Amino acid sequence: MEKSGDIVLMNSNRLVFEEFQRDMAGEAVRAGLNSEDDVADLVKQICGKMWEAQHAGNA
């Protein structure tokens, strides 16, 4: 990667993650996630739905 005329060597995973962060900048706010608690609540909802889907036939 070139940065300000210098060649920078870095782990490819880090590079991809930094690009992903730039691409996703502002998306949480646009989705109505204004705090870490909002994000945690969304993750809990999604995990709950996934658990229910996996165990739907086990009742």
PDB file of N, CA and C in Angstrom:
ATOM      1  N   MET A   1       0.853  -1.165   0.000  1.00  0.00           N
ATOM      2  CA  MET A   1       0.000   0.000   0.000  1.00  0.00           C
ATOM      3  C   MET A   1       0.898   1.227   0.000  1.00  0.00           C
ATOM      4  N   GLU A   2       0.490   2.245  -0.723  1.00  0.00           N
ATOM      5  CA  GLU A   2       1.241   3.493  -0.732  1.00  0.00           C
ATOM      6  C   GLU A   2       0.485   4.530   0.091  1.00  0.00           C
ATOM      7  N   LYS A   3       1.218   5.257   0.933  1.00  0.00           N
ATOM      8  CA  LYS A   3       0.606   6.271   1.790  1.00  0.00           C
ATOM      9  C   LYS A   3       1.543   7.474   1.841  1.00  0.00           C
ATOM     10  N   SER A   4       1.096   8.591   1.321  1.00  0.00           N
ATOM     11  CA  SER A   4       1.886   9.830   1.313  1.00  0.00           C
ATOM     12  C   SER A   4       3.247   9.626   0.662  1.00  0.00           C
ATOM     13  N   GLY A   5       3.282   8.869  -0.424  1.00  0.00           N
ATOM     14  CA  GLY A   5       4.518   8.647  -1.148  1.00  0.00           C
ATOM     15  C   GLY A   5       5.410   7.564  -0.577  1.00  0.00           C
ATOM     16  N   ASP A   6       5.028   6.977   0.550  1.00  0.00           N
ATOM     17  CA  ASP A   6       5.808   5.900   1.165  1.00  0.00           C
ATOM     18  C   ASP A   6       5.130   4.568   0.895  1.00  0.00           C
ATOM     19  N   ILE A   7       5.923   3.527   0.832  1.00  0.00           N
ATOM     20  CA  ILE A   7       5.385   2.178   0.710  1.00  0.00           C
ATOM     21  C   ILE A   7       5.212   1.632   2.124  1.00  0.00           C
ATOM     22  N   VAL A   8       4.005   1.169   2.438  1.00  0.00           N
ATOM     23  CA  VAL A   8       3.698   0.658   3.771  1.00  0.00           C
ATOM     24  C   VAL A   8       3.355  -0.821   3.649  1.00  0.00           C
ATOM     25  N   LEU A   9       4.049  -1.660   4.414  1.00  0.00           N
ATOM     26  CA  LEU A   9       3.738  -3.082   4.459  1.00  0.00           C
ATOM     27  C   LEU A   9       2.856  -3.334   5.667  1.00  0.00           C
ATOM     28  N   MET A  10       1.777  -4.072   5.450  1.00  0.00           N
ATOM     29  CA  MET A  10       0.898  -4.395   6.565  1.00  0.00           C
ATOM     30  C   MET A  10       0.214  -5.726   6.305  1.00  0.00           C
ATOM     31  N   ASN A  11      -0.306  -6.303   7.353  1.00  0.00           N
ATOM     32  CA  ASN A  11      -1.045  -7.548   7.266  1.00  0.00           C
ATOM     33  C   ASN A  11      -2.269  -7.332   6.371  1.00  0.00           C
ATOM     34  N   SER A  12      -2.517  -8.239   5.452  1.00  0.00           N
ATOM     35  CA  SER A  12      -3.636  -8.080   4.522  1.00  0.00           C
ATOM     36  C   SER A  12      -4.977  -8.067   5.245  1.00  0.00           C
ATOM     37  N   ASN A  13      -5.100  -8.817   6.351  1.00  0.00           N
ATOM     38  CA  ASN A  13      -6.352  -8.792   7.116  1.00  0.00           C
ATOM     39  C   ASN A  13      -6.622  -7.400   7.675  1.00  0.00           C
ATOM     40  N   ARG A  14      -5.577  -6.769   8.156  1.00  0.00           N
ATOM     41  CA  ARG A  14      -5.733  -5.410   8.705  1.00  0.00           C
ATOM     42  C   ARG A  14      -6.154  -4.446   7.608  1.00  0.00           C
ATOM     43  N   LEU A  15      -5.546  -4.554   6.440  1.00  0.00           N
ATOM     44  CA  LEU A  15      -5.879  -3.687   5.315  1.00  0.00           C
ATOM     45  C   LEU A  15      -7.344  -3.843   4.929  1.00  0.00           C
ATOM     46  N   VAL A  16      -7.793  -5.077   4.813  1.00  0.00           N
ATOM     47  CA  VAL A  16      -9.189  -5.341   4.452  1.00  0.00           C
ATOM     48  C   VAL A  16     -10.127  -4.803   5.531  1.00  0.00           C
ATOM     49  N   PHE A  17      -9.781  -4.997   6.798  1.00  0.00           N
ATOM     50  CA  PHE A  17     -10.614  -4.500   7.886  1.00  0.00           C
ATOM     51  C   PHE A  17     -10.705  -2.981   7.864  1.00  0.00           C
ATOM     52  N   GLU A  18      -9.589  -2.291   7.618  1.00  0.00           N
ATOM     53  CA  GLU A  18      -9.607  -0.831   7.545  1.00  0.00           C
ATOM     54  C   GLU A  18     -10.468  -0.349   6.374  1.00  0.00           C
ATOM     55  N   GLU A  19     -10.396  -1.036   5.236  1.00  0.00           N
ATOM     56  CA  GLU A  19     -11.242  -0.677   4.093  1.00  0.00           C
ATOM     57  C   GLU A  19     -12.714  -0.879   4.431  1.00  0.00           C
ATOM     58  N   PHE A  20     -13.014  -1.987   5.123  1.00  0.00           N
ATOM     59  CA  PHE A  20     -14.388  -2.270   5.539  1.00  0.00           C
ATOM     60  C   PHE A  20     -14.894  -1.182   6.480  1.00  0.00           C
ATOM     61  N   GLN A  21     -14.048  -0.757   7.424  1.00  0.00           N
ATOM     62  CA  GLN A  21     -14.434   0.306   8.348  1.00  0.00           C
ATOM     63  C   GLN A  21     -14.759   1.593   7.594  1.00  0.00           C
ATOM     64  N   ARG A  22     -13.950   1.943   6.609  1.00  0.00           N
ATOM     65  CA  ARG A  22     -14.223   3.152   5.811  1.00  0.00           C
ATOM     66  C   ARG A  22     -15.535   3.007   5.052  1.00  0.00           C
ATOM     67  N   ASP A  23     -15.757   1.837   4.464  1.00  0.00           N
ATOM     68  CA  ASP A  23     -16.985   1.610   3.694  1.00  0.00           C
ATOM     69  C   ASP A  23     -18.232   1.676   4.567  1.00  0.00           C
ATOM     70  N   MET A  24     -18.112   1.252   5.823  1.00  0.00           N
ATOM     71  CA  MET A  24     -19.269   1.193   6.721  1.00  0.00           C
ATOM     72  C   MET A  24     -19.449   2.451   7.571  1.00  0.00           C
ATOM     73  N   ALA A  25     -18.564   3.420   7.429  1.00  0.00           N
ATOM     74  CA  ALA A  25     -18.630   4.643   8.235  1.00  0.00           C
ATOM     75  C   ALA A  25     -20.010   5.287   8.118  1.00  0.00           C
ATOM     76  N   GLY A  26     -20.654   5.507   9.245  1.00  0.00           N
ATOM     77  CA  GLY A  26     -21.950   6.170   9.275  1.00  0.00           C
ATOM     78  C   GLY A  26     -23.142   5.251   9.132  1.00  0.00           C
ATOM     79  N   GLU A  27     -22.937   3.999   8.781  1.00  0.00           N
ATOM     80  CA  GLU A  27     -24.060   3.085   8.551  1.00  0.00           C
ATOM     81  C   GLU A  27     -24.834   2.791   9.837  1.00  0.00           C
ATOM     82  N   ALA A  28     -24.155   2.684  10.966  1.00  0.00           N
ATOM     83  CA  ALA A  28     -24.841   2.387  12.229  1.00  0.00           C
ATOM     84  C   ALA A  28     -25.825   3.501  12.572  1.00  0.00           C
ATOM     85  N   VAL A  29     -25.394   4.739  12.420  1.00  0.00           N
ATOM     86  CA  VAL A  29     -26.281   5.874  12.714  1.00  0.00           C
ATOM     87  C   VAL A  29     -27.455   5.885  11.748  1.00  0.00           C
ATOM     88  N   ARG A  30     -27.190   5.619  10.474  1.00  0.00           N
ATOM     89  CA  ARG A  30     -28.283   5.582   9.481  1.00  0.00           C
ATOM     90  C   ARG A  30     -29.281   4.468   9.805  1.00  0.00           C
ATOM     91  N   ALA A  31     -28.804   3.407  10.461  1.00  0.00           N
ATOM     92  CA  ALA A  31     -29.687   2.293  10.838  1.00  0.00           C
ATOM     93  C   ALA A  31     -30.357   2.532  12.183  1.00  0.00           C
ATOM     94  N   GLY A  32     -30.079   3.688  12.807  1.00  0.00           N
ATOM     95  CA  GLY A  32     -30.711   4.006  14.080  1.00  0.00           C
ATOM     96  C   GLY A  32     -29.974   3.464  15.287  1.00  0.00           C
ATOM     97  N   LEU A  33     -28.736   3.036  15.105  1.00  0.00           N
ATOM     98  CA  LEU A  33     -27.924   2.515  16.206  1.00  0.00           C
ATOM     99  C   LEU A  33     -27.050   3.659  16.708  1.00  0.00           C
ATOM    100  N   ASN A  34     -27.499   4.314  17.769  1.00  0.00           N
ATOM    101  CA  ASN A  34     -26.844   5.530  18.228  1.00  0.00           C
ATOM    102  C   ASN A  34     -25.936   5.328  19.434  1.00  0.00           C
ATOM    103  N   SER A  35     -25.926   4.122  19.998  1.00  0.00           N
ATOM    104  CA  SER A  35     -25.082   3.862  21.160  1.00  0.00           C
ATOM    105  C   SER A  35     -24.636   2.399  21.138  1.00  0.00           C
ATOM    106  N   GLU A  36     -23.682   2.093  22.001  1.00  0.00           N
ATOM    107  CA  GLU A  36     -23.233   0.704  22.110  1.00  0.00           C
ATOM    108  C   GLU A  36     -24.358  -0.181  22.638  1.00  0.00           C
ATOM    109  N   ASP A  37     -25.214   0.372  23.486  1.00  0.00           N
ATOM    110  CA  ASP A  37     -26.356  -0.398  23.990  1.00  0.00           C
ATOM    111  C   ASP A  37     -27.306  -0.760  22.853  1.00  0.00           C
ATOM    112  N   ASP A  38     -27.514   0.160  21.902  1.00  0.00           N
ATOM    113  CA  ASP A  38     -28.354  -0.135  20.736  1.00  0.00           C
ATOM    114  C   ASP A  38     -27.774  -1.310  19.948  1.00  0.00           C
ATOM    115  N   VAL A  39     -26.464  -1.294  19.757  1.00  0.00           N
ATOM    116  CA  VAL A  39     -25.796  -2.375  19.017  1.00  0.00           C
ATOM    117  C   VAL A  39     -25.927  -3.687  19.780  1.00  0.00           C
ATOM    118  N   ALA A  40     -25.690  -3.655  21.092  1.00  0.00           N
ATOM    119  CA  ALA A  40     -25.788  -4.865  21.911  1.00  0.00           C
ATOM    120  C   ALA A  40     -27.203  -5.431  21.864  1.00  0.00           C
ATOM    121  N   ASP A  41     -28.215  -4.565  21.922  1.00  0.00           N
ATOM    122  CA  ASP A  41     -29.606  -5.026  21.843  1.00  0.00           C
ATOM    123  C   ASP A  41     -29.888  -5.686  20.497  1.00  0.00           C
ATOM    124  N   LEU A  42     -29.384  -5.098  19.413  1.00  0.00           N
ATOM    125  CA  LEU A  42     -29.587  -5.676  18.088  1.00  0.00           C
ATOM    126  C   LEU A  42     -28.918  -7.047  17.987  1.00  0.00           C
ATOM    127  N   VAL A  43     -27.710  -7.159  18.507  1.00  0.00           N
ATOM    128  CA  VAL A  43     -26.995  -8.444  18.474  1.00  0.00           C
ATOM    129  C   VAL A  43     -27.776  -9.495  19.259  1.00  0.00           C
ATOM    130  N   LYS A  44     -28.308  -9.126  20.427  1.00  0.00           N
ATOM    131  CA  LYS A  44     -29.107 -10.065  21.225  1.00  0.00           C
ATOM    132  C   LYS A  44     -30.350 -10.514  20.458  1.00  0.00           C
ATOM    133  N   GLN A  45     -31.014  -9.573  19.789  1.00  0.00           N
ATOM    134  CA  GLN A  45     -32.203  -9.926  18.989  1.00  0.00           C
ATOM    135  C   GLN A  45     -31.841 -10.922  17.888  1.00  0.00           C
ATOM    136  N   ILE A  46     -30.765 -10.630  17.173  1.00  0.00           N
ATOM    137  CA  ILE A  46     -30.357 -11.497  16.063  1.00  0.00           C
ATOM    138  C   ILE A  46     -29.959 -12.876  16.575  1.00  0.00           C
ATOM    139  N   CYS A  47     -29.200 -12.914  17.666  1.00  0.00           N
ATOM    140  CA  CYS A  47     -28.792 -14.204  18.246  1.00  0.00           C
ATOM    141  C   CYS A  47     -30.014 -14.997  18.693  1.00  0.00           C
ATOM    142  N   GLY A  48     -30.984 -14.324  19.297  1.00  0.00           N
ATOM    143  CA  GLY A  48     -32.214 -14.991  19.725  1.00  0.00           C
ATOM    144  C   GLY A  48     -32.973 -15.586  18.555  1.00  0.00           C
ATOM    145  N   LYS A  49     -33.075 -14.828  17.470  1.00  0.00           N
ATOM    146  CA  LYS A  49     -33.769 -15.330  16.274  1.00  0.00           C
ATOM    147  C   LYS A  49     -33.027 -16.512  15.657  1.00  0.00           C
ATOM    148  N   MET A  50     -31.698 -16.432  15.643  1.00  0.00           N
ATOM    149  CA  MET A  50     -30.913 -17.543  15.092  1.00  0.00           C
ATOM    150  C   MET A  50     -31.085 -18.792  15.953  1.00  0.00           C
ATOM    151  N   TRP A  51     -31.084 -18.631  17.283  1.00  0.00           N
ATOM    152  CA  TRP A  51     -31.266 -19.764  18.190  1.00  0.00           C
ATOM    153  C   TRP A  51     -32.630 -20.394  17.969  1.00  0.00           C
ATOM    154  N   GLU A  52     -33.656 -19.552  17.867  1.00  0.00           N
ATOM    155  CA  GLU A  52     -35.006 -20.061  17.645  1.00  0.00           C
ATOM    156  C   GLU A  52     -35.105 -20.816  16.337  1.00  0.00           C
ATOM    157  N   ALA A  53     -34.470 -20.298  15.282  1.00  0.00           N
ATOM    158  CA  ALA A  53     -34.508 -20.958  13.974  1.00  0.00           C
ATOM    159  C   ALA A  53     -33.813 -22.315  14.029  1.00  0.00           C
ATOM    160  N   GLN A  54     -32.710 -22.396  14.758  1.00  0.00           N
ATOM    161  CA  GLN A  54     -31.965 -23.654  14.842  1.00  0.00           C
ATOM    162  C   GLN A  54     -32.709 -24.691  15.675  1.00  0.00           C
ATOM    163  N   HIS A  55     -33.503 -24.253  16.641  1.00  0.00           N
ATOM    164  CA  HIS A  55     -34.137 -25.171  17.572  1.00  0.00           C
ATOM    165  C   HIS A  55     -35.667 -25.221  17.408  1.00  0.00           C
ATOM    166  N   ALA A  56     -36.148 -24.743  16.308  1.00  0.00           N
ATOM    167  CA  ALA A  56     -37.600 -24.661  16.094  1.00  0.00           C
ATOM    168  C   ALA A  56     -38.274 -26.029  16.150  1.00  0.00           C
ATOM    169  N   GLY A  57     -37.656 -27.062  15.657  1.00  0.00           N
ATOM    170  CA  GLY A  57     -38.280 -28.378  15.632  1.00  0.00           C
ATOM    171  C   GLY A  57     -38.011 -29.219  16.861  1.00  0.00           C
ATOM    172  N   ASN A  58     -37.359 -28.659  17.866  1.00  0.00           N
ATOM    173  CA  ASN A  58     -36.981 -29.443  19.047  1.00  0.00           C
ATOM    174  C   ASN A  58     -37.938 -29.296  20.219  1.00  0.00           C
ATOM    175  N   ALA A  59     -39.071 -28.689  20.017  1.00  0.00           N
ATOM    176  CA  ALA A  59     -39.978 -28.440  21.147  1.00  0.00           C
ATOM    177  C   ALA A  59     -40.817 -29.636  21.487  1.00  0.00           C
TER     178      ALA A  59
END
